Each structure stands twice: as structure tokens, then as C-alpha cells.
Amino acid sequence: MTPAGNPAEGEATVGETTDTRRPRAGYPGLGRVLVVIPTYDEADNVAPIVARVRRAAPAVEILVADDNSPDGTGAVADALAAADPHVHVLHREGKQGLGAAYLAGFAWARERGFDAVVEMDADGSHAPEELPTLLAAARDADVVIGSRWTSGARVVNWPLRRLLLSRCGNLYARLALGMPVSDATGGYRVYRLSALDEIDLGSVCSQGYSFQVELSRLAHRAGARIVEVPITFAERERGSSKMSPQIVAEALWRITAWGVQDRRLAVRRGLHGTPTGQVRWP
């Protein structure tokens, strides 16, 4: 809520707890942590995923960012928030994309004094039981990526075409953008708010899975300390995937455009002595 007591634009007005109920202790070594869970038609998944997060990391808080789901996901989230001061709901006007939901969640966290935010899917593919491992790594990093493609990681129940698409897409992103990141499209992440403050989030233009690549690129260019930890990624058991050919096409052309832009910048400024946060090509 705003100081005057009126809801700010885009702010949750239903299911949001008041300041007197909101926990303040924070997560050891990190401060206050907010897990942002975007939802659209996830009525069957939102309660189980919230319960698993609460068991795995009781000190964190949760924000369900719902895009006015037709299946009543928002109402389910409201009931969870009414029963638990660690759970909050951000009701958004309609389906605006994954990137917009996370940006709204980041802004919500910043306005309320959180120190770190977590990105997590609602469908259970990001295991909340692995959240403490990501948070532990964040004590010595600015960005932590739960990686599907680093040593020790596992991917469960994915068809071969999805495995090849993700593997090849991440290899292309790594080569095109010169980032030392194995899973640039991975969506299980921890960001320190101080690291996000160094990124021009207003310039972010992606909506689908390229949103994760874009934030990886911007964080790398800003000099953020990025670490990857292996996770077990499992295909959703309920509901339908939001992946589509349009999302894949957006990621492909945006990565290509960013790669061309970065190479032109590197050529213009020379291959040696580039300042921190700019691209250096081998």
C-alpha cells in the first residue's frame, strides 16, 4: 500500500497482508527474501507449490502474481494469503507475459524493502526443496541460476525434442552473447535486489523465455557475480505448458539481435581494455 493508504497502480488489493502481520525476520545471511510465482490458469498447482515452499524455506515470503486467470487461480491464492501472513497476491489485469509478471514482482519487492527475490514456476518443475541450496549460494553471489545443464543436474520426463531445443538454445545463447552461463534460459533463480538496481529494468523488452536470457545478459554486462548450481528439473504433472513456437521464435531472433549488437559494440571500442560491464570477445 502507498503511505496514504491507497493502492498503487498494479498493487495487490485482495489477499495482501497488512504490515502488522508481515514477517520481518528474514532468511539467514540474505535478509528478506520474496519468492515470486507467476500464474495463469494454475488453480491446481498454486496451493501445492506454495505449501512446498513454506515447508522447504519457512523464513521466505511468497508473492503469487496472477494474470487474472480464468480458472480461478487468483481466488485460490487469496485464500492461501488469508490463512498465512507469508503469502501475498498481486492481481494483474490480464495475461501480459512471464517477463512482465516478474518485473511487477521485482517492483513489489523493492517497494517493500526485500533484499532478494526468487523466480519460481508454479507447475512444480522447479523443486522448492532445492531452494535452500540456491539461497545458500546467493550469500556469495549477486545472481544464482538453478541450472539444468551443469555438472550434477538432471532433467526428468522431458521428450527428446525439448531436451535438444533447450540444449541447443542455451549453447547458441552462450556463443552469441559471450556469457559464461550454461543455462541462460533457466527460470529458477535468485537475484539480490542490489544487483537488479544496477540493471536498467525499464529497457527489458522480452516477454517469453527470452526474458531469462535478457536478464542474464544485462546482469553479466553490469558485472554481477553469477553462479550456477545444479538442479533436478521435472516436467509439469498438471496443466498445460506455456511453451509455444512464438516463444521460441522470439528467443531466437532476440538472441541474434543482441549478439550482433554486442559484436558491433566490441568492434567499435576495441578488443582490449574494455571497461567492466562491456563485452569482451575472445
C-alpha atoms as a PDB file:
ATOM      1  CA  MET A   1       0.000   0.000   0.000  1.00  0.00           C
ATOM      2  CA  THR A   2       1.096   3.573  -0.528  1.00  0.00           C
ATOM      3  CA  PRO A   3       1.797   5.779   2.536  1.00  0.00           C
ATOM      4  CA  ALA A   4      -1.579   7.435   2.071  1.00  0.00           C
ATOM      5  CA  GLY A   5      -3.266   4.049   2.287  1.00  0.00           C
ATOM      6  CA  ASN A   6      -4.378   3.904  -1.349  1.00  0.00           C
ATOM      7  CA  PRO A   7      -3.329   1.029  -3.596  1.00  0.00           C
ATOM      8  CA  ALA A   8      -0.611   1.902  -6.083  1.00  0.00           C
ATOM      9  CA  GLU A   9      -1.051   1.002  -9.739  1.00  0.00           C
ATOM     10  CA  GLY A  10      -0.636  -2.748 -10.227  1.00  0.00           C
ATOM     11  CA  GLU A  11      -0.604  -3.398  -6.485  1.00  0.00           C
ATOM     12  CA  ALA A  12      -2.476  -6.304  -4.940  1.00  0.00           C
ATOM     13  CA  THR A  13      -5.675  -5.244  -3.238  1.00  0.00           C
ATOM     14  CA  VAL A  14      -7.118  -8.673  -2.414  1.00  0.00           C
ATOM     15  CA  GLY A  15      -5.332 -11.243  -0.293  1.00  0.00           C
ATOM     16  CA  GLU A  16      -2.422  -8.948   0.614  1.00  0.00           C
ATOM     17  CA  THR A  17      -1.485  -8.980   4.288  1.00  0.00           C
ATOM     18  CA  THR A  18      -1.066  -5.830   6.309  1.00  0.00           C
ATOM     19  CA  ASP A  19       2.213  -4.536   7.742  1.00  0.00           C
ATOM     20  CA  THR A  20       1.254  -5.707  11.242  1.00  0.00           C
ATOM     21  CA  ARG A  21       1.044  -9.312  10.047  1.00  0.00           C
ATOM     22  CA  ARG A  22       4.004  -9.329   7.667  1.00  0.00           C
ATOM     23  CA  PRO A  23       7.042 -11.316   8.881  1.00  0.00           C
ATOM     24  CA  ARG A  24      10.260  -9.344   9.312  1.00  0.00           C
ATOM     25  CA  ALA A  25      12.993 -11.755  10.437  1.00  0.00           C
ATOM     26  CA  GLY A  26      14.342 -12.649   7.001  1.00  0.00           C
ATOM     27  CA  TYR A  27      16.490 -15.500   5.723  1.00  0.00           C
ATOM     28  CA  PRO A  28      19.859 -16.058   7.430  1.00  0.00           C
ATOM     29  CA  GLY A  29      22.683 -14.410   5.508  1.00  0.00           C
ATOM     30  CA  LEU A  30      20.410 -12.798   2.914  1.00  0.00           C
ATOM     31  CA  GLY A  31      17.764 -10.708   4.649  1.00  0.00           C
ATOM     32  CA  ARG A  32      14.176 -10.646   3.492  1.00  0.00           C
ATOM     33  CA  VAL A  33      13.564 -12.990   0.559  1.00  0.00           C
ATOM     34  CA  LEU A  34      10.492 -12.971  -1.694  1.00  0.00           C
ATOM     35  CA  VAL A  35       9.630 -15.918  -3.947  1.00  0.00           C
ATOM     36  CA  VAL A  36       7.718 -14.621  -6.974  1.00  0.00           C
ATOM     37  CA  ILE A  37       5.444 -17.217  -8.605  1.00  0.00           C
ATOM     38  CA  PRO A  38       3.698 -16.006 -11.795  1.00  0.00           C
ATOM     39  CA  THR A  39       0.435 -17.798 -12.538  1.00  0.00           C
ATOM     40  CA  TYR A  40      -2.019 -18.133 -15.381  1.00  0.00           C
ATOM     41  CA  ASP A  41      -4.520 -20.984 -15.167  1.00  0.00           C
ATOM     42  CA  GLU A  42      -2.614 -22.750 -12.380  1.00  0.00           C
ATOM     43  CA  ALA A  43      -5.523 -23.362  -9.988  1.00  0.00           C
ATOM     44  CA  ASP A  44      -4.499 -26.994  -9.491  1.00  0.00           C
ATOM     45  CA  ASN A  45      -0.854 -26.154  -8.889  1.00  0.00           C
ATOM     46  CA  VAL A  46      -0.714 -22.978  -6.827  1.00  0.00           C
ATOM     47  CA  ALA A  47      -1.684 -24.455  -3.443  1.00  0.00           C
ATOM     48  CA  PRO A  48       0.731 -27.406  -3.669  1.00  0.00           C
ATOM     49  CA  ILE A  49       3.668 -25.242  -4.768  1.00  0.00           C
ATOM     50  CA  VAL A  50       3.033 -22.666  -2.021  1.00  0.00           C
ATOM     51  CA  ALA A  51       2.835 -25.434   0.592  1.00  0.00           C
ATOM     52  CA  ARG A  52       6.117 -26.929  -0.622  1.00  0.00           C
ATOM     53  CA  VAL A  53       7.890 -23.562  -0.480  1.00  0.00           C
ATOM     54  CA  ARG A  54       6.622 -22.946   3.032  1.00  0.00           C
ATOM     55  CA  ARG A  55       7.958 -26.342   4.162  1.00  0.00           C
ATOM     56  CA  ALA A  56      11.302 -26.011   2.388  1.00  0.00           C
ATOM     57  CA  ALA A  57      12.123 -22.438   3.434  1.00  0.00           C
ATOM     58  CA  PRO A  58       9.807 -21.200   6.206  1.00  0.00           C
ATOM     59  CA  ALA A  59      11.600 -17.843   6.523  1.00  0.00           C
ATOM     60  CA  VAL A  60      10.884 -16.646   2.980  1.00  0.00           C
ATOM     61  CA  GLU A  61       7.757 -14.898   1.782  1.00  0.00           C
ATOM     62  CA  ILE A  62       5.771 -15.679  -1.353  1.00  0.00           C
ATOM     63  CA  LEU A  63       4.113 -13.448  -3.936  1.00  0.00           C
ATOM     64  CA  VAL A  64       1.668 -15.077  -6.333  1.00  0.00           C
ATOM     65  CA  ALA A  65       1.490 -12.789  -9.385  1.00  0.00           C
ATOM     66  CA  ASP A  66      -1.713 -13.835 -11.113  1.00  0.00           C
ATOM     67  CA  ASP A  67      -2.688 -12.580 -14.567  1.00  0.00           C
ATOM     68  CA  ASN A  68      -6.445 -12.704 -13.956  1.00  0.00           C
ATOM     69  CA  SER A  69      -6.576 -16.460 -14.601  1.00  0.00           C
ATOM     70  CA  PRO A  70      -9.947 -17.621 -15.971  1.00  0.00           C
ATOM     71  CA  ASP A  71      -9.722 -20.838 -13.927  1.00  0.00           C
ATOM     72  CA  GLY A  72      -9.848 -19.018 -10.579  1.00  0.00           C
ATOM     73  CA  THR A  73      -6.171 -19.240  -9.640  1.00  0.00           C
ATOM     74  CA  GLY A  74      -6.382 -15.773  -8.099  1.00  0.00           C
ATOM     75  CA  ALA A  75      -9.168 -16.806  -5.729  1.00  0.00           C
ATOM     76  CA  VAL A  76      -7.187 -19.861  -4.619  1.00  0.00           C
ATOM     77  CA  ALA A  77      -4.180 -17.628  -3.956  1.00  0.00           C
ATOM     78  CA  ASP A  78      -6.337 -15.186  -1.993  1.00  0.00           C
ATOM     79  CA  ALA A  79      -7.442 -17.995   0.301  1.00  0.00           C
ATOM     80  CA  LEU A  80      -3.822 -19.011   0.867  1.00  0.00           C
ATOM     81  CA  ALA A  81      -2.858 -15.425   1.674  1.00  0.00           C
ATOM     82  CA  ALA A  82      -5.758 -15.023   4.092  1.00  0.00           C
ATOM     83  CA  ALA A  83      -4.526 -18.026   6.048  1.00  0.00           C
ATOM     84  CA  ASP A  84      -0.780 -17.298   6.018  1.00  0.00           C
ATOM     85  CA  PRO A  85       0.968 -13.924   6.521  1.00  0.00           C
ATOM     86  CA  HIS A  86       3.937 -15.181   4.498  1.00  0.00           C
ATOM     87  CA  VAL A  87       1.797 -15.363   1.341  1.00  0.00           C
ATOM     88  CA  HIS A  88       0.782 -12.360  -0.754  1.00  0.00           C
ATOM     89  CA  VAL A  89      -1.104 -11.923  -4.016  1.00  0.00           C
ATOM     90  CA  LEU A  90      -0.602  -9.475  -6.863  1.00  0.00           C
ATOM     91  CA  HIS A  91      -3.674  -9.372  -9.094  1.00  0.00           C
ATOM     92  CA  ARG A  92      -2.840  -8.189 -12.596  1.00  0.00           C
ATOM     93  CA  GLU A  93      -5.322  -7.108 -15.244  1.00  0.00           C
ATOM     94  CA  GLY A  94      -4.747  -9.888 -17.748  1.00  0.00           C
ATOM     95  CA  LYS A  95      -2.260 -12.176 -19.434  1.00  0.00           C
ATOM     96  CA  GLN A  96       0.760  -9.965 -20.051  1.00  0.00           C
ATOM     97  CA  GLY A  97       3.599 -12.486 -20.250  1.00  0.00           C
ATOM     98  CA  LEU A  98       6.168 -14.037 -17.964  1.00  0.00           C
ATOM     99  CA  GLY A  99       8.594 -11.140 -18.193  1.00  0.00           C
ATOM    100  CA  ALA A 100       6.017  -8.524 -17.229  1.00  0.00           C
ATOM    101  CA  ALA A 101       4.901 -10.648 -14.263  1.00  0.00           C
ATOM    102  CA  TYR A 102       8.440 -10.924 -12.921  1.00  0.00           C
ATOM    103  CA  LEU A 103       9.150  -7.223 -13.429  1.00  0.00           C
ATOM    104  CA  ALA A 104       5.987  -6.419 -11.460  1.00  0.00           C
ATOM    105  CA  GLY A 105       7.144  -8.813  -8.750  1.00  0.00           C
ATOM    106  CA  PHE A 106      10.585  -7.185  -8.606  1.00  0.00           C
ATOM    107  CA  ALA A 107       8.979  -3.761  -8.206  1.00  0.00           C
ATOM    108  CA  TRP A 108       6.658  -5.096  -5.486  1.00  0.00           C
ATOM    109  CA  ALA A 109       9.657  -6.494  -3.605  1.00  0.00           C
ATOM    110  CA  ARG A 110      11.668  -3.289  -3.901  1.00  0.00           C
ATOM    111  CA  GLU A 111       8.792  -1.138  -2.654  1.00  0.00           C
ATOM    112  CA  ARG A 112       8.511  -3.303   0.473  1.00  0.00           C
ATOM    113  CA  GLY A 113      12.165  -3.495   1.387  1.00  0.00           C
ATOM    114  CA  PHE A 114      13.065  -7.046   0.362  1.00  0.00           C
ATOM    115  CA  ASP A 115      16.728  -7.917  -0.101  1.00  0.00           C
ATOM    116  CA  ALA A 116      16.435 -10.770  -2.610  1.00  0.00           C
ATOM    117  CA  VAL A 117      13.858 -12.198  -4.988  1.00  0.00           C
ATOM    118  CA  VAL A 118      13.430 -15.726  -6.300  1.00  0.00           C
ATOM    119  CA  GLU A 119      11.897 -16.688  -9.634  1.00  0.00           C
ATOM    120  CA  MET A 120       9.944 -19.944  -9.485  1.00  0.00           C
ATOM    121  CA  ASP A 121       7.452 -21.660 -11.793  1.00  0.00           C
ATOM    122  CA  ALA A 122       4.063 -22.621 -10.373  1.00  0.00           C
ATOM    123  CA  ASP A 123       3.933 -26.038 -12.026  1.00  0.00           C
ATOM    124  CA  GLY A 124       6.411 -27.803  -9.754  1.00  0.00           C
ATOM    125  CA  SER A 125       9.188 -28.093 -12.340  1.00  0.00           C
ATOM    126  CA  HIS A 126      11.350 -26.000 -10.005  1.00  0.00           C
ATOM    127  CA  ALA A 127      11.565 -28.077  -6.837  1.00  0.00           C
ATOM    128  CA  PRO A 128      11.084 -25.898  -3.741  1.00  0.00           C
ATOM    129  CA  GLU A 129      13.080 -28.491  -1.806  1.00  0.00           C
ATOM    130  CA  GLU A 130      16.175 -27.216  -3.661  1.00  0.00           C
ATOM    131  CA  LEU A 131      15.512 -23.592  -2.730  1.00  0.00           C
ATOM    132  CA  PRO A 132      17.772 -23.658   0.385  1.00  0.00           C
ATOM    133  CA  THR A 133      20.685 -24.670  -1.872  1.00  0.00           C
ATOM    134  CA  LEU A 134      20.092 -21.712  -4.176  1.00  0.00           C
ATOM    135  CA  LEU A 135      19.733 -19.335  -1.241  1.00  0.00           C
ATOM    136  CA  ALA A 136      22.943 -20.621   0.330  1.00  0.00           C
ATOM    137  CA  ALA A 137      24.789 -19.914  -2.922  1.00  0.00           C
ATOM    138  CA  ALA A 138      23.294 -16.401  -3.029  1.00  0.00           C
ATOM    139  CA  ARG A 139      25.179 -15.448   0.133  1.00  0.00           C
ATOM    140  CA  ASP A 140      28.294 -15.122  -2.044  1.00  0.00           C
ATOM    141  CA  ALA A 141      26.722 -14.104  -5.350  1.00  0.00           C
ATOM    142  CA  ASP A 142      24.521 -11.470  -6.950  1.00  0.00           C
ATOM    143  CA  VAL A 143      22.630 -13.892  -9.196  1.00  0.00           C
ATOM    144  CA  VAL A 144      22.124 -17.624  -8.721  1.00  0.00           C
ATOM    145  CA  ILE A 145      20.777 -19.769 -11.555  1.00  0.00           C
ATOM    146  CA  GLY A 146      19.377 -23.202 -10.862  1.00  0.00           C
ATOM    147  CA  SER A 147      20.935 -24.872 -13.873  1.00  0.00           C
ATOM    148  CA  ARG A 148      19.703 -27.873 -15.843  1.00  0.00           C
ATOM    149  CA  TRP A 149      22.909 -28.072 -17.863  1.00  0.00           C
ATOM    150  CA  THR A 150      25.757 -28.007 -15.358  1.00  0.00           C
ATOM    151  CA  SER A 151      27.507 -30.947 -13.761  1.00  0.00           C
ATOM    152  CA  GLY A 152      25.233 -32.814 -11.341  1.00  0.00           C
ATOM    153  CA  ALA A 153      21.960 -31.531 -12.834  1.00  0.00           C
ATOM    154  CA  ARG A 154      19.106 -33.768 -14.028  1.00  0.00           C
ATOM    155  CA  VAL A 155      16.131 -33.274 -16.340  1.00  0.00           C
ATOM    156  CA  VAL A 156      13.208 -35.644 -15.773  1.00  0.00           C
ATOM    157  CA  ASN A 157      10.360 -36.601 -18.138  1.00  0.00           C
ATOM    158  CA  TRP A 158      11.254 -34.285 -20.991  1.00  0.00           C
ATOM    159  CA  PRO A 159      10.804 -35.533 -24.570  1.00  0.00           C
ATOM    160  CA  LEU A 160      13.898 -35.592 -26.754  1.00  0.00           C
ATOM    161  CA  ARG A 161      12.765 -32.572 -28.785  1.00  0.00           C
ATOM    162  CA  ARG A 162      12.540 -30.404 -25.643  1.00  0.00           C
ATOM    163  CA  LEU A 163      15.962 -31.593 -24.488  1.00  0.00           C
ATOM    164  CA  LEU A 164      17.512 -30.757 -27.845  1.00  0.00           C
ATOM    165  CA  LEU A 165      15.714 -27.408 -28.045  1.00  0.00           C
ATOM    166  CA  SER A 166      16.934 -26.316 -24.605  1.00  0.00           C
ATOM    167  CA  ARG A 167      20.473 -27.669 -25.059  1.00  0.00           C
ATOM    168  CA  CYS A 168      20.944 -26.107 -28.486  1.00  0.00           C
ATOM    169  CA  GLY A 169      19.245 -22.860 -27.499  1.00  0.00           C
ATOM    170  CA  ASN A 170      21.495 -22.397 -24.499  1.00  0.00           C
ATOM    171  CA  LEU A 171      24.611 -23.221 -26.487  1.00  0.00           C
ATOM    172  CA  TYR A 172      23.577 -20.658 -29.100  1.00  0.00           C
ATOM    173  CA  ALA A 173      22.943 -18.021 -26.419  1.00  0.00           C
ATOM    174  CA  ARG A 174      26.304 -18.698 -24.789  1.00  0.00           C
ATOM    175  CA  LEU A 175      28.198 -18.391 -28.074  1.00  0.00           C
ATOM    176  CA  ALA A 176      26.197 -15.464 -29.472  1.00  0.00           C
ATOM    177  CA  LEU A 177      26.316 -13.379 -26.295  1.00  0.00           C
ATOM    178  CA  GLY A 178      29.679 -14.408 -24.835  1.00  0.00           C
ATOM    179  CA  MET A 179      28.184 -15.236 -21.429  1.00  0.00           C
ATOM    180  CA  PRO A 180      29.769 -17.800 -19.101  1.00  0.00           C
ATOM    181  CA  VAL A 181      26.323 -19.249 -18.334  1.00  0.00           C
ATOM    182  CA  SER A 182      25.288 -22.820 -19.150  1.00  0.00           C
ATOM    183  CA  ASP A 183      21.541 -22.316 -18.652  1.00  0.00           C
ATOM    184  CA  ALA A 184      20.673 -18.782 -19.715  1.00  0.00           C
ATOM    185  CA  THR A 185      17.027 -19.761 -20.287  1.00  0.00           C
ATOM    186  CA  GLY A 186      16.603 -21.356 -16.871  1.00  0.00           C
ATOM    187  CA  GLY A 187      13.856 -19.765 -14.794  1.00  0.00           C
ATOM    188  CA  TYR A 188      14.757 -20.924 -11.273  1.00  0.00           C
ATOM    189  CA  ARG A 189      16.812 -18.007  -9.983  1.00  0.00           C
ATOM    190  CA  VAL A 190      17.770 -15.806  -7.076  1.00  0.00           C
ATOM    191  CA  TYR A 191      18.521 -12.119  -7.593  1.00  0.00           C
ATOM    192  CA  ARG A 192      19.791  -9.751  -4.956  1.00  0.00           C
ATOM    193  CA  LEU A 193      17.830  -6.512  -5.195  1.00  0.00           C
ATOM    194  CA  SER A 194      21.128  -4.619  -5.162  1.00  0.00           C
ATOM    195  CA  ALA A 195      22.075  -6.426  -8.396  1.00  0.00           C
ATOM    196  CA  LEU A 196      18.735  -5.624 -10.025  1.00  0.00           C
ATOM    197  CA  ASP A 197      19.271  -1.990  -9.083  1.00  0.00           C
ATOM    198  CA  GLU A 198      22.340  -1.995 -11.365  1.00  0.00           C
ATOM    199  CA  ILE A 199      20.225  -3.122 -14.333  1.00  0.00           C
ATOM    200  CA  ASP A 200      18.005  -0.848 -16.396  1.00  0.00           C
ATOM    201  CA  LEU A 201      14.871  -2.956 -15.995  1.00  0.00           C
ATOM    202  CA  GLY A 202      12.930  -0.345 -17.912  1.00  0.00           C
ATOM    203  CA  SER A 203      14.853  -1.378 -21.028  1.00  0.00           C
ATOM    204  CA  VAL A 204      13.769  -5.030 -20.776  1.00  0.00           C
ATOM    205  CA  CYS A 205      11.627  -5.866 -23.790  1.00  0.00           C
ATOM    206  CA  SER A 206      11.234  -9.662 -23.653  1.00  0.00           C
ATOM    207  CA  GLN A 207       8.094 -11.454 -22.530  1.00  0.00           C
ATOM    208  CA  GLY A 208       8.653 -15.178 -23.021  1.00  0.00           C
ATOM    209  CA  TYR A 209      11.628 -17.345 -22.137  1.00  0.00           C
ATOM    210  CA  SER A 210      13.980 -14.855 -23.789  1.00  0.00           C
ATOM    211  CA  PHE A 211      13.279 -12.734 -20.701  1.00  0.00           C
ATOM    212  CA  GLN A 212      15.633 -15.011 -18.766  1.00  0.00           C
ATOM    213  CA  VAL A 213      18.331 -14.655 -21.427  1.00  0.00           C
ATOM    214  CA  GLU A 214      17.944 -10.885 -21.458  1.00  0.00           C
ATOM    215  CA  LEU A 215      18.319 -10.599 -17.683  1.00  0.00           C
ATOM    216  CA  SER A 216      21.342 -12.918 -17.777  1.00  0.00           C
ATOM    217  CA  ARG A 217      22.900 -10.695 -20.432  1.00  0.00           C
ATOM    218  CA  LEU A 218      22.170  -7.457 -18.577  1.00  0.00           C
ATOM    219  CA  ALA A 219      23.449  -8.842 -15.260  1.00  0.00           C
ATOM    220  CA  HIS A 220      26.637 -10.090 -16.919  1.00  0.00           C
ATOM    221  CA  ARG A 221      27.217  -6.741 -18.619  1.00  0.00           C
ATOM    222  CA  ALA A 222      26.682  -4.974 -15.273  1.00  0.00           C
ATOM    223  CA  GLY A 223      29.436  -7.048 -13.686  1.00  0.00           C
ATOM    224  CA  ALA A 224      27.179  -9.138 -11.447  1.00  0.00           C
ATOM    225  CA  ARG A 225      28.596 -12.237  -9.766  1.00  0.00           C
ATOM    226  CA  ILE A 226      26.627 -15.042 -11.434  1.00  0.00           C
ATOM    227  CA  VAL A 227      26.857 -18.625 -10.190  1.00  0.00           C
ATOM    228  CA  GLU A 228      25.042 -21.757 -11.321  1.00  0.00           C
ATOM    229  CA  VAL A 229      24.028 -24.632  -9.087  1.00  0.00           C
ATOM    230  CA  PRO A 230      22.727 -27.962 -10.405  1.00  0.00           C
ATOM    231  CA  ILE A 231      19.044 -28.734 -10.004  1.00  0.00           C
ATOM    232  CA  THR A 232      16.667 -31.548 -10.875  1.00  0.00           C
ATOM    233  CA  PHE A 233      14.141 -30.193 -13.347  1.00  0.00           C
ATOM    234  CA  ALA A 234      10.918 -32.181 -13.794  1.00  0.00           C
ATOM    235  CA  GLU A 235       8.219 -31.710 -16.417  1.00  0.00           C
ATOM    236  CA  ARG A 236       4.910 -30.469 -15.024  1.00  0.00           C
ATOM    237  CA  GLU A 237       2.408 -33.122 -13.923  1.00  0.00           C
ATOM    238  CA  ARG A 238      -0.757 -30.986 -14.096  1.00  0.00           C
ATOM    239  CA  GLY A 239      -1.921 -28.307 -16.502  1.00  0.00           C
ATOM    240  CA  SER A 240      -0.514 -27.369 -19.889  1.00  0.00           C
ATOM    241  CA  SER A 241       2.862 -25.911 -20.792  1.00  0.00           C
ATOM    242  CA  LYS A 242       3.019 -22.252 -21.849  1.00  0.00           C
ATOM    243  CA  MET A 243       5.782 -23.027 -24.375  1.00  0.00           C
ATOM    244  CA  SER A 244       4.831 -22.192 -27.959  1.00  0.00           C
ATOM    245  CA  PRO A 245       6.522 -21.738 -31.355  1.00  0.00           C
ATOM    246  CA  GLN A 246       6.075 -17.978 -30.938  1.00  0.00           C
ATOM    247  CA  ILE A 247       8.055 -18.024 -27.679  1.00  0.00           C
ATOM    248  CA  VAL A 248      10.860 -19.994 -29.324  1.00  0.00           C
ATOM    249  CA  ALA A 249      10.914 -17.622 -32.306  1.00  0.00           C
ATOM    250  CA  GLU A 250      11.067 -14.576 -30.037  1.00  0.00           C
ATOM    251  CA  ALA A 251      14.025 -16.015 -28.145  1.00  0.00           C
ATOM    252  CA  LEU A 252      15.890 -16.886 -31.351  1.00  0.00           C
ATOM    253  CA  TRP A 253      15.591 -13.516 -33.028  1.00  0.00           C
ATOM    254  CA  ARG A 254      16.252 -11.529 -29.850  1.00  0.00           C
ATOM    255  CA  ILE A 255      19.419 -13.504 -29.032  1.00  0.00           C
ATOM    256  CA  THR A 256      20.613 -12.994 -32.604  1.00  0.00           C
ATOM    257  CA  ALA A 257      19.921  -9.255 -32.448  1.00  0.00           C
ATOM    258  CA  TRP A 258      21.680  -8.889 -29.078  1.00  0.00           C
ATOM    259  CA  GLY A 259      24.664 -10.853 -30.369  1.00  0.00           C
ATOM    260  CA  VAL A 260      25.009  -8.606 -33.409  1.00  0.00           C
ATOM    261  CA  GLN A 261      24.660  -5.510 -31.226  1.00  0.00           C
ATOM    262  CA  ASP A 262      27.324  -6.723 -28.790  1.00  0.00           C
ATOM    263  CA  ARG A 263      29.765  -7.608 -31.565  1.00  0.00           C
ATOM    264  CA  ARG A 264      29.373  -4.182 -33.148  1.00  0.00           C
ATOM    265  CA  LEU A 265      29.980  -2.576 -29.758  1.00  0.00           C
ATOM    266  CA  ALA A 266      33.079  -4.676 -29.189  1.00  0.00           C
ATOM    267  CA  VAL A 267      34.491  -3.789 -32.589  1.00  0.00           C
ATOM    268  CA  ARG A 268      33.863  -0.089 -32.107  1.00  0.00           C
ATOM    269  CA  ARG A 269      35.521   0.038 -28.715  1.00  0.00           C
ATOM    270  CA  GLY A 270      38.334  -2.349 -29.486  1.00  0.00           C
ATOM    271  CA  LEU A 271      39.029  -5.829 -28.223  1.00  0.00           C
ATOM    272  CA  HIS A 272      41.345  -4.709 -25.398  1.00  0.00           C
ATOM    273  CA  GLY A 273      40.849  -2.641 -22.273  1.00  0.00           C
ATOM    274  CA  THR A 274      37.057  -2.649 -22.267  1.00  0.00           C
ATOM    275  CA  PRO A 275      35.595  -1.293 -19.033  1.00  0.00           C
ATOM    276  CA  THR A 276      33.692  -3.515 -16.591  1.00  0.00           C
ATOM    277  CA  GLY A 277      30.242  -4.424 -17.805  1.00  0.00           C
ATOM    278  CA  GLN A 278      31.085  -4.185 -21.503  1.00  0.00           C
ATOM    279  CA  VAL A 279      31.527  -7.129 -23.808  1.00  0.00           C
ATOM    280  CA  ARG A 280      34.976  -8.581 -24.406  1.00  0.00           C
ATOM    281  CA  TRP A 281      35.251 -11.160 -27.189  1.00  0.00           C
ATOM    282  CA  PRO A 282      37.952 -13.827 -27.122  1.00  0.00           C
END
